[in-house]
Amino acid sequence: MFKSELDLSRAFTPLSIAVLAVSDTRTLETDTAGALLKSLMEADGHHCAERAVCRDDIHAIRGHVMRWVNDPAVDAIITTGGTGFSGRDVTPEALEPLFQKRMDGFSVLFHQYSATTIGTSSLQSRATGGLIGTTFVFALPGSRGACRDAWEGILRAQLDNRHKPCNFVELMPRLAER
């Protein structure tokens, strides 16, 4: 659906990406969406900096994310879960106030791509993305399908420095500019 072209004359730059599953019921062993993201990113040459699970709680989510934002070894963060409409789904409420720059286009592209696989059920997600300090943060639904859609449809390309015409990796050295 989306055009993806790589400049294969450029050397690939692997990123260090942290994955946080937001759930009151999952453990690291039962978090299949986070495990899938780790597998997909590593298959594409990136490094999983850390993988964790935290409960659906604004302060717990912020604590995990900010620890990684403050770690210079973490380039990007992907959360899974807590983006729906149930009373316990608070990931967007936890993260969006922390964004210095909100990435409205991520949500739009996620819904466009997701609609090709699950139709109008894509409306039940409040996937979001933004920049906290110099760290890209993406909040995805907790299903394996949604995580696969986001990685394969959007993040694989944008987190690859060879992607043309532009990508997030090229921006990273300039994120702290004032």
N, C-alpha and C. Protein backbone atom coordinates (compact mmCIF):
# COMPACT_ATOMS: atom_id res chain seq x y z
N MET A 1 0.82 -1.20 0.00
CA MET A 1 0.00 0.00 0.00
C MET A 1 0.86 1.26 0.00
N PHE A 2 1.89 1.29 0.86
CA PHE A 2 2.74 2.46 0.94
C PHE A 2 4.03 2.19 0.19
N LYS A 3 4.50 3.20 -0.52
CA LYS A 3 5.73 3.08 -1.27
C LYS A 3 6.92 3.01 -0.31
N SER A 4 7.79 2.07 -0.55
CA SER A 4 8.99 1.94 0.26
C SER A 4 10.16 1.65 -0.65
N GLU A 5 11.12 2.54 -0.64
CA GLU A 5 12.30 2.36 -1.47
C GLU A 5 13.53 2.56 -0.60
N LEU A 6 14.49 1.66 -0.76
CA LEU A 6 15.72 1.74 0.02
C LEU A 6 16.90 2.11 -0.86
N ASP A 7 17.77 2.96 -0.32
CA ASP A 7 19.02 3.29 -0.98
C ASP A 7 20.04 2.27 -0.49
N LEU A 8 20.22 1.21 -1.25
CA LEU A 8 21.10 0.11 -0.84
C LEU A 8 22.58 0.46 -0.94
N SER A 9 22.90 1.65 -1.44
CA SER A 9 24.30 2.08 -1.44
C SER A 9 24.72 2.58 -0.06
N ARG A 10 23.75 2.81 0.82
CA ARG A 10 24.03 3.27 2.18
C ARG A 10 24.11 2.08 3.12
N ALA A 11 25.00 2.14 4.09
CA ALA A 11 25.10 1.10 5.12
C ALA A 11 23.93 1.25 6.09
N PHE A 12 23.36 0.15 6.50
CA PHE A 12 22.26 0.15 7.46
C PHE A 12 22.75 0.59 8.83
N THR A 13 21.98 1.43 9.52
CA THR A 13 22.30 1.87 10.87
C THR A 13 21.30 1.23 11.83
N PRO A 14 21.75 0.26 12.62
CA PRO A 14 20.82 -0.38 13.56
C PRO A 14 20.49 0.57 14.72
N LEU A 15 19.24 0.52 15.15
CA LEU A 15 18.80 1.32 16.28
C LEU A 15 18.61 0.43 17.51
N SER A 16 18.61 1.05 18.65
CA SER A 16 18.33 0.38 19.91
C SER A 16 16.92 0.80 20.33
N ILE A 17 16.00 -0.17 20.34
CA ILE A 17 14.58 0.12 20.54
C ILE A 17 14.08 -0.63 21.77
N ALA A 18 13.41 0.09 22.68
CA ALA A 18 12.82 -0.52 23.88
C ALA A 18 11.35 -0.80 23.61
N VAL A 19 10.85 -1.90 24.16
CA VAL A 19 9.45 -2.32 23.96
C VAL A 19 8.78 -2.47 25.32
N LEU A 20 7.66 -1.77 25.49
CA LEU A 20 6.90 -1.83 26.74
C LEU A 20 5.49 -2.32 26.47
N ALA A 21 5.12 -3.44 27.07
CA ALA A 21 3.74 -3.93 27.00
C ALA A 21 2.98 -3.35 28.19
N VAL A 22 1.86 -2.71 27.91
CA VAL A 22 1.02 -2.14 28.95
C VAL A 22 -0.17 -3.08 29.14
N SER A 23 -0.21 -3.73 30.30
CA SER A 23 -1.25 -4.73 30.54
C SER A 23 -1.37 -5.05 32.02
N ASP A 24 -2.60 -5.27 32.46
CA ASP A 24 -2.84 -5.72 33.83
C ASP A 24 -2.83 -7.25 33.91
N THR A 25 -2.81 -7.92 32.77
CA THR A 25 -2.95 -9.38 32.78
C THR A 25 -1.76 -10.13 32.19
N ARG A 26 -0.92 -9.46 31.43
CA ARG A 26 0.19 -10.16 30.79
C ARG A 26 1.46 -10.08 31.61
N THR A 27 2.32 -11.06 31.35
CA THR A 27 3.67 -11.07 31.91
C THR A 27 4.62 -11.04 30.72
N LEU A 28 5.91 -10.95 30.99
CA LEU A 28 6.89 -10.98 29.91
C LEU A 28 6.75 -12.27 29.10
N GLU A 29 6.44 -13.37 29.79
CA GLU A 29 6.31 -14.66 29.11
C GLU A 29 5.03 -14.76 28.27
N THR A 30 3.97 -14.06 28.65
CA THR A 30 2.70 -14.16 27.91
C THR A 30 2.46 -12.96 26.99
N ASP A 31 3.38 -12.04 26.95
CA ASP A 31 3.26 -10.86 26.09
C ASP A 31 3.67 -11.22 24.66
N THR A 32 2.73 -11.72 23.89
CA THR A 32 3.05 -12.17 22.53
C THR A 32 3.25 -11.00 21.57
N ALA A 33 2.58 -9.87 21.80
CA ALA A 33 2.75 -8.71 20.91
C ALA A 33 4.14 -8.11 21.06
N GLY A 34 4.60 -7.95 22.30
CA GLY A 34 5.95 -7.43 22.52
C GLY A 34 7.01 -8.37 21.99
N ALA A 35 6.77 -9.68 22.16
CA ALA A 35 7.72 -10.68 21.64
C ALA A 35 7.78 -10.60 20.12
N LEU A 36 6.62 -10.41 19.49
CA LEU A 36 6.60 -10.28 18.03
C LEU A 36 7.37 -9.04 17.58
N LEU A 37 7.15 -7.91 18.23
CA LEU A 37 7.89 -6.69 17.87
C LEU A 37 9.39 -6.90 18.00
N LYS A 38 9.81 -7.52 19.09
CA LYS A 38 11.23 -7.80 19.29
C LYS A 38 11.76 -8.66 18.15
N SER A 39 11.03 -9.68 17.79
CA SER A 39 11.43 -10.57 16.71
C SER A 39 11.51 -9.83 15.37
N LEU A 40 10.52 -9.01 15.07
CA LEU A 40 10.50 -8.28 13.80
C LEU A 40 11.65 -7.28 13.73
N MET A 41 11.86 -6.52 14.80
CA MET A 41 12.92 -5.50 14.75
C MET A 41 14.30 -6.15 14.66
N GLU A 42 14.48 -7.25 15.38
CA GLU A 42 15.78 -7.92 15.33
C GLU A 42 16.00 -8.57 13.96
N ALA A 43 14.95 -9.10 13.36
CA ALA A 43 15.08 -9.67 12.01
C ALA A 43 15.48 -8.60 11.00
N ASP A 44 15.09 -7.35 11.27
CA ASP A 44 15.44 -6.25 10.38
C ASP A 44 16.78 -5.60 10.74
N GLY A 45 17.47 -6.14 11.76
CA GLY A 45 18.81 -5.66 12.08
C GLY A 45 18.92 -4.73 13.27
N HIS A 46 17.80 -4.40 13.91
CA HIS A 46 17.84 -3.52 15.08
C HIS A 46 18.09 -4.33 16.35
N HIS A 47 18.35 -3.62 17.43
CA HIS A 47 18.62 -4.23 18.73
C HIS A 47 17.47 -3.88 19.69
N CYS A 48 16.98 -4.85 20.42
CA CYS A 48 15.98 -4.59 21.45
C CYS A 48 16.73 -4.20 22.73
N ALA A 49 16.67 -2.92 23.07
CA ALA A 49 17.39 -2.40 24.23
C ALA A 49 16.89 -3.04 25.52
N GLU A 50 15.58 -3.19 25.62
CA GLU A 50 14.95 -3.80 26.79
C GLU A 50 13.50 -4.05 26.45
N ARG A 51 12.95 -5.06 27.08
CA ARG A 51 11.53 -5.37 26.94
C ARG A 51 10.96 -5.52 28.33
N ALA A 52 9.81 -4.87 28.57
CA ALA A 52 9.21 -4.90 29.90
C ALA A 52 7.70 -4.90 29.79
N VAL A 53 7.05 -5.20 30.92
CA VAL A 53 5.60 -5.15 31.03
C VAL A 53 5.27 -4.27 32.23
N CYS A 54 4.29 -3.39 32.08
CA CYS A 54 3.82 -2.61 33.22
C CYS A 54 2.30 -2.58 33.19
N ARG A 55 1.73 -2.29 34.34
CA ARG A 55 0.26 -2.27 34.44
C ARG A 55 -0.32 -1.05 33.76
N ASP A 56 -1.62 -1.11 33.49
CA ASP A 56 -2.35 0.01 32.89
C ASP A 56 -2.51 1.11 33.95
N ASP A 57 -1.49 1.90 34.10
CA ASP A 57 -1.48 2.97 35.09
C ASP A 57 -0.63 4.11 34.53
N ILE A 58 -1.19 5.29 34.52
CA ILE A 58 -0.50 6.44 33.91
C ILE A 58 0.90 6.62 34.49
N HIS A 59 1.03 6.56 35.81
CA HIS A 59 2.34 6.81 36.44
C HIS A 59 3.33 5.69 36.14
N ALA A 60 2.85 4.45 36.11
CA ALA A 60 3.74 3.32 35.79
C ALA A 60 4.24 3.41 34.35
N ILE A 61 3.34 3.75 33.44
CA ILE A 61 3.71 3.88 32.02
C ILE A 61 4.75 5.00 31.87
N ARG A 62 4.46 6.15 32.45
CA ARG A 62 5.39 7.28 32.34
C ARG A 62 6.75 6.94 32.95
N GLY A 63 6.74 6.24 34.08
CA GLY A 63 8.00 5.88 34.73
C GLY A 63 8.89 5.03 33.84
N HIS A 64 8.30 4.00 33.23
CA HIS A 64 9.09 3.15 32.32
C HIS A 64 9.59 3.94 31.12
N VAL A 65 8.69 4.68 30.50
CA VAL A 65 9.05 5.42 29.28
C VAL A 65 10.10 6.47 29.58
N MET A 66 9.95 7.21 30.65
CA MET A 66 10.93 8.27 30.95
C MET A 66 12.29 7.70 31.34
N ARG A 67 12.31 6.54 31.95
CA ARG A 67 13.62 5.90 32.24
C ARG A 67 14.34 5.63 30.93
N TRP A 68 13.62 5.14 29.94
CA TRP A 68 14.24 4.87 28.64
C TRP A 68 14.55 6.15 27.87
N VAL A 69 13.69 7.15 27.96
CA VAL A 69 13.96 8.44 27.30
C VAL A 69 15.26 9.02 27.84
N ASN A 70 15.50 8.87 29.13
CA ASN A 70 16.71 9.41 29.76
C ASN A 70 17.95 8.54 29.57
N ASP A 71 17.80 7.41 28.90
CA ASP A 71 18.92 6.51 28.63
C ASP A 71 19.44 6.83 27.22
N PRO A 72 20.64 7.38 27.10
CA PRO A 72 21.15 7.74 25.77
C PRO A 72 21.34 6.55 24.84
N ALA A 73 21.32 5.33 25.38
CA ALA A 73 21.48 4.14 24.54
C ALA A 73 20.17 3.73 23.86
N VAL A 74 19.03 4.34 24.24
CA VAL A 74 17.73 4.00 23.64
C VAL A 74 17.38 5.05 22.59
N ASP A 75 17.19 4.59 21.35
CA ASP A 75 16.86 5.49 20.24
C ASP A 75 15.37 5.70 20.06
N ALA A 76 14.59 4.66 20.33
CA ALA A 76 13.14 4.73 20.13
C ALA A 76 12.46 3.79 21.12
N ILE A 77 11.17 4.07 21.37
CA ILE A 77 10.37 3.27 22.29
C ILE A 77 9.07 2.92 21.60
N ILE A 78 8.68 1.66 21.72
CA ILE A 78 7.38 1.22 21.21
C ILE A 78 6.62 0.62 22.38
N THR A 79 5.41 1.13 22.62
CA THR A 79 4.55 0.52 23.62
C THR A 79 3.45 -0.25 22.91
N THR A 80 2.96 -1.30 23.57
CA THR A 80 1.83 -2.07 23.04
C THR A 80 0.79 -2.17 24.14
N GLY A 81 -0.46 -1.94 23.77
CA GLY A 81 -1.55 -2.07 24.73
C GLY A 81 -1.96 -0.75 25.34
N GLY A 82 -3.20 -0.74 25.82
CA GLY A 82 -3.74 0.44 26.50
C GLY A 82 -4.17 1.56 25.59
N THR A 83 -4.36 1.27 24.29
CA THR A 83 -4.75 2.33 23.35
C THR A 83 -6.23 2.25 22.95
N GLY A 84 -6.97 1.37 23.58
CA GLY A 84 -8.39 1.22 23.24
C GLY A 84 -9.27 2.18 24.02
N PHE A 85 -10.52 1.76 24.23
CA PHE A 85 -11.50 2.64 24.86
C PHE A 85 -12.01 2.13 26.21
N SER A 86 -11.45 1.03 26.70
CA SER A 86 -11.93 0.55 28.00
C SER A 86 -11.47 1.50 29.09
N GLY A 87 -12.06 1.37 30.25
CA GLY A 87 -11.72 2.25 31.36
C GLY A 87 -10.27 2.16 31.78
N ARG A 88 -9.61 1.02 31.56
CA ARG A 88 -8.22 0.83 31.95
C ARG A 88 -7.22 1.27 30.87
N ASP A 89 -7.69 1.57 29.67
CA ASP A 89 -6.80 1.96 28.57
C ASP A 89 -6.37 3.41 28.74
N VAL A 90 -5.12 3.62 29.19
CA VAL A 90 -4.65 4.98 29.49
C VAL A 90 -3.30 5.31 28.85
N THR A 91 -2.84 4.50 27.92
CA THR A 91 -1.52 4.77 27.34
C THR A 91 -1.46 6.14 26.65
N PRO A 92 -2.42 6.52 25.79
CA PRO A 92 -2.34 7.87 25.21
C PRO A 92 -2.37 8.98 26.26
N GLU A 93 -3.18 8.79 27.30
CA GLU A 93 -3.24 9.81 28.36
C GLU A 93 -1.91 9.91 29.10
N ALA A 94 -1.21 8.79 29.22
CA ALA A 94 0.10 8.80 29.88
C ALA A 94 1.16 9.48 29.03
N LEU A 95 1.14 9.20 27.73
CA LEU A 95 2.25 9.63 26.87
C LEU A 95 2.06 10.99 26.20
N GLU A 96 0.87 11.27 25.71
CA GLU A 96 0.70 12.49 24.91
C GLU A 96 1.07 13.78 25.64
N PRO A 97 0.80 13.91 26.95
CA PRO A 97 1.25 15.14 27.63
C PRO A 97 2.78 15.26 27.69
N LEU A 98 3.50 14.16 27.50
CA LEU A 98 4.96 14.18 27.53
C LEU A 98 5.58 14.55 26.18
N PHE A 99 4.78 14.44 25.11
CA PHE A 99 5.31 14.71 23.77
C PHE A 99 5.66 16.19 23.62
N GLN A 100 6.92 16.48 23.26
CA GLN A 100 7.27 17.84 22.87
C GLN A 100 6.76 18.11 21.46
N LYS A 101 6.74 17.04 20.66
CA LYS A 101 6.21 17.14 19.30
C LYS A 101 5.35 15.91 19.07
N ARG A 102 4.11 16.16 18.75
CA ARG A 102 3.18 15.07 18.48
C ARG A 102 3.28 14.69 17.01
N MET A 103 3.14 13.43 16.72
CA MET A 103 3.26 12.91 15.36
C MET A 103 1.88 12.48 14.86
N ASP A 104 1.07 13.45 14.50
CA ASP A 104 -0.30 13.15 14.07
C ASP A 104 -0.33 12.21 12.87
N GLY A 105 0.64 12.33 11.99
CA GLY A 105 0.69 11.48 10.80
C GLY A 105 0.85 10.01 11.12
N PHE A 106 1.48 9.67 12.25
CA PHE A 106 1.63 8.27 12.61
C PHE A 106 0.26 7.63 12.83
N SER A 107 -0.58 8.30 13.58
CA SER A 107 -1.92 7.76 13.84
C SER A 107 -2.71 7.62 12.54
N VAL A 108 -2.61 8.62 11.68
CA VAL A 108 -3.32 8.57 10.40
C VAL A 108 -2.84 7.39 9.57
N LEU A 109 -1.53 7.26 9.41
CA LEU A 109 -0.99 6.14 8.61
C LEU A 109 -1.30 4.79 9.25
N PHE A 110 -1.23 4.72 10.59
CA PHE A 110 -1.55 3.47 11.25
C PHE A 110 -2.99 3.05 10.93
N HIS A 111 -3.91 3.98 11.03
CA HIS A 111 -5.31 3.66 10.75
C HIS A 111 -5.53 3.30 9.28
N GLN A 112 -4.88 3.99 8.39
CA GLN A 112 -5.00 3.66 6.97
C GLN A 112 -4.50 2.24 6.70
N TYR A 113 -3.33 1.93 7.22
CA TYR A 113 -2.75 0.61 6.98
C TYR A 113 -3.57 -0.47 7.69
N SER A 114 -3.92 -0.22 8.93
CA SER A 114 -4.68 -1.18 9.72
C SER A 114 -6.04 -1.47 9.08
N ALA A 115 -6.66 -0.48 8.51
CA ALA A 115 -7.98 -0.68 7.87
C ALA A 115 -7.89 -1.67 6.72
N THR A 116 -6.71 -1.79 6.12
CA THR A 116 -6.58 -2.77 5.02
C THR A 116 -6.59 -4.19 5.55
N THR A 117 -6.31 -4.38 6.83
CA THR A 117 -6.29 -5.73 7.40
C THR A 117 -7.49 -6.03 8.28
N ILE A 118 -8.01 -5.02 9.02
CA ILE A 118 -9.14 -5.29 9.92
C ILE A 118 -10.36 -4.42 9.65
N GLY A 119 -10.32 -3.64 8.58
CA GLY A 119 -11.48 -2.83 8.22
C GLY A 119 -11.77 -1.74 9.24
N THR A 120 -13.06 -1.49 9.46
CA THR A 120 -13.45 -0.39 10.33
C THR A 120 -13.12 -0.64 11.80
N SER A 121 -12.75 -1.84 12.16
CA SER A 121 -12.35 -2.09 13.55
C SER A 121 -11.11 -1.28 13.94
N SER A 122 -10.40 -0.76 12.95
CA SER A 122 -9.25 0.11 13.22
C SER A 122 -9.65 1.32 14.07
N LEU A 123 -10.92 1.72 13.98
CA LEU A 123 -11.41 2.86 14.76
C LEU A 123 -11.28 2.64 16.26
N GLN A 124 -11.16 1.40 16.70
CA GLN A 124 -11.11 1.11 18.12
C GLN A 124 -9.72 1.30 18.72
N SER A 125 -8.81 1.84 17.95
CA SER A 125 -7.45 2.09 18.44
C SER A 125 -7.20 3.59 18.53
N ARG A 126 -6.47 3.97 19.55
CA ARG A 126 -6.01 5.35 19.69
C ARG A 126 -4.49 5.37 19.58
N ALA A 127 -3.95 4.62 18.61
CA ALA A 127 -2.50 4.59 18.38
C ALA A 127 -2.01 6.02 18.23
N THR A 128 -0.82 6.27 18.78
CA THR A 128 -0.29 7.62 18.75
C THR A 128 1.24 7.57 18.71
N GLY A 129 1.83 8.68 18.39
CA GLY A 129 3.29 8.75 18.37
C GLY A 129 3.74 10.18 18.59
N GLY A 130 4.99 10.30 19.02
CA GLY A 130 5.53 11.63 19.23
C GLY A 130 6.98 11.57 19.63
N LEU A 131 7.49 12.71 19.96
CA LEU A 131 8.89 12.87 20.34
C LEU A 131 8.95 13.37 21.78
N ILE A 132 9.67 12.62 22.62
CA ILE A 132 9.93 13.05 23.99
C ILE A 132 11.44 13.26 24.07
N GLY A 133 11.85 14.49 24.27
CA GLY A 133 13.27 14.81 24.21
C GLY A 133 13.78 14.49 22.82
N THR A 134 14.74 13.58 22.73
CA THR A 134 15.27 13.17 21.42
C THR A 134 14.91 11.72 21.11
N THR A 135 13.86 11.23 21.75
CA THR A 135 13.46 9.83 21.59
C THR A 135 12.09 9.73 20.92
N PHE A 136 12.02 8.96 19.84
CA PHE A 136 10.75 8.70 19.19
C PHE A 136 9.98 7.68 20.01
N VAL A 137 8.68 7.93 20.24
CA VAL A 137 7.83 7.04 21.02
C VAL A 137 6.57 6.74 20.21
N PHE A 138 6.27 5.45 20.10
CA PHE A 138 5.10 5.01 19.35
C PHE A 138 4.24 4.14 20.26
N ALA A 139 2.95 4.43 20.36
CA ALA A 139 2.03 3.66 21.19
C ALA A 139 1.09 2.88 20.27
N LEU A 140 1.20 1.56 20.34
CA LEU A 140 0.43 0.67 19.48
C LEU A 140 -0.60 -0.11 20.29
N PRO A 141 -1.63 -0.61 19.63
CA PRO A 141 -2.54 -1.54 20.31
C PRO A 141 -1.77 -2.79 20.75
N GLY A 142 -2.36 -3.55 21.63
CA GLY A 142 -1.69 -4.72 22.18
C GLY A 142 -1.85 -6.01 21.41
N SER A 143 -2.49 -5.97 20.26
CA SER A 143 -2.66 -7.21 19.49
C SER A 143 -1.45 -7.45 18.59
N ARG A 144 -1.17 -8.71 18.35
CA ARG A 144 -0.07 -9.07 17.44
C ARG A 144 -0.31 -8.50 16.05
N GLY A 145 -1.54 -8.55 15.58
CA GLY A 145 -1.85 -8.04 14.25
C GLY A 145 -1.57 -6.55 14.13
N ALA A 146 -1.96 -5.78 15.13
CA ALA A 146 -1.71 -4.34 15.10
C ALA A 146 -0.22 -4.04 15.15
N CYS A 147 0.51 -4.80 15.97
CA CYS A 147 1.96 -4.59 16.05
C CYS A 147 2.64 -4.95 14.73
N ARG A 148 2.20 -6.02 14.11
CA ARG A 148 2.74 -6.40 12.79
C ARG A 148 2.42 -5.31 11.76
N ASP A 149 1.17 -4.85 11.74
CA ASP A 149 0.78 -3.78 10.81
C ASP A 149 1.66 -2.55 10.98
N ALA A 150 1.83 -2.11 12.23
CA ALA A 150 2.62 -0.90 12.48
C ALA A 150 4.07 -1.09 12.08
N TRP A 151 4.65 -2.25 12.42
CA TRP A 151 6.06 -2.46 12.08
C TRP A 151 6.22 -2.59 10.57
N GLU A 152 5.48 -3.49 9.97
CA GLU A 152 5.67 -3.76 8.54
C GLU A 152 5.17 -2.62 7.66
N GLY A 153 4.13 -1.92 8.09
CA GLY A 153 3.55 -0.88 7.25
C GLY A 153 4.16 0.50 7.43
N ILE A 154 4.78 0.76 8.59
CA ILE A 154 5.25 2.12 8.86
C ILE A 154 6.66 2.15 9.46
N LEU A 155 6.81 1.50 10.61
CA LEU A 155 8.04 1.65 11.38
C LEU A 155 9.27 1.03 10.72
N ARG A 156 9.10 -0.09 10.06
CA ARG A 156 10.25 -0.71 9.37
C ARG A 156 10.91 0.30 8.44
N ALA A 157 10.13 1.01 7.68
CA ALA A 157 10.68 1.98 6.73
C ALA A 157 11.22 3.22 7.44
N GLN A 158 10.45 3.79 8.35
CA GLN A 158 10.85 5.05 8.97
C GLN A 158 12.02 4.90 9.94
N LEU A 159 12.25 3.68 10.43
CA LEU A 159 13.38 3.46 11.33
C LEU A 159 14.57 2.84 10.59
N ASP A 160 14.55 2.94 9.27
CA ASP A 160 15.66 2.46 8.42
C ASP A 160 16.28 3.67 7.74
N ASN A 161 17.54 3.94 8.03
CA ASN A 161 18.21 5.12 7.48
C ASN A 161 18.34 5.08 5.96
N ARG A 162 18.09 3.95 5.35
CA ARG A 162 18.20 3.84 3.89
C ARG A 162 16.89 4.17 3.18
N HIS A 163 15.81 4.33 3.95
CA HIS A 163 14.49 4.59 3.35
C HIS A 163 14.46 5.96 2.69
N LYS A 164 13.94 5.98 1.47
CA LYS A 164 13.83 7.22 0.69
C LYS A 164 12.37 7.56 0.52
N PRO A 165 12.02 8.83 0.47
CA PRO A 165 12.91 9.98 0.37
C PRO A 165 13.43 10.48 1.72
N CYS A 166 12.82 10.07 2.82
CA CYS A 166 13.31 10.52 4.12
C CYS A 166 12.89 9.51 5.18
N ASN A 167 13.50 9.64 6.37
CA ASN A 167 13.22 8.70 7.46
C ASN A 167 13.59 9.37 8.78
N PHE A 168 13.13 8.75 9.88
CA PHE A 168 13.40 9.32 11.20
C PHE A 168 14.87 9.24 11.59
N VAL A 169 15.58 8.25 11.12
CA VAL A 169 16.98 8.07 11.51
C VAL A 169 17.82 9.27 11.07
N GLU A 170 17.53 9.78 9.88
CA GLU A 170 18.26 10.96 9.39
C GLU A 170 18.03 12.18 10.28
N LEU A 171 16.89 12.23 10.94
CA LEU A 171 16.57 13.37 11.80
C LEU A 171 17.25 13.30 13.16
N MET A 172 17.59 12.10 13.60
CA MET A 172 18.08 11.92 14.97
C MET A 172 19.22 12.84 15.37
N PRO A 173 20.23 13.07 14.52
CA PRO A 173 21.32 13.98 14.94
C PRO A 173 20.86 15.43 15.14
N ARG A 174 19.69 15.78 14.59
CA ARG A 174 19.21 17.16 14.65
C ARG A 174 18.10 17.37 15.67
N LEU A 175 17.70 16.34 16.39
CA LEU A 175 16.55 16.45 17.27
C LEU A 175 16.77 17.39 18.45
N ALA A 176 18.00 17.55 18.89
CA ALA A 176 18.28 18.40 20.04
C ALA A 176 18.56 19.85 19.65
N GLU A 177 18.49 20.16 18.37
CA GLU A 177 18.75 21.54 17.93
C GLU A 177 17.74 22.51 18.55
N ARG A 178 18.21 23.68 18.87
CA ARG A 178 17.33 24.74 19.40
C ARG A 178 17.53 25.98 18.61
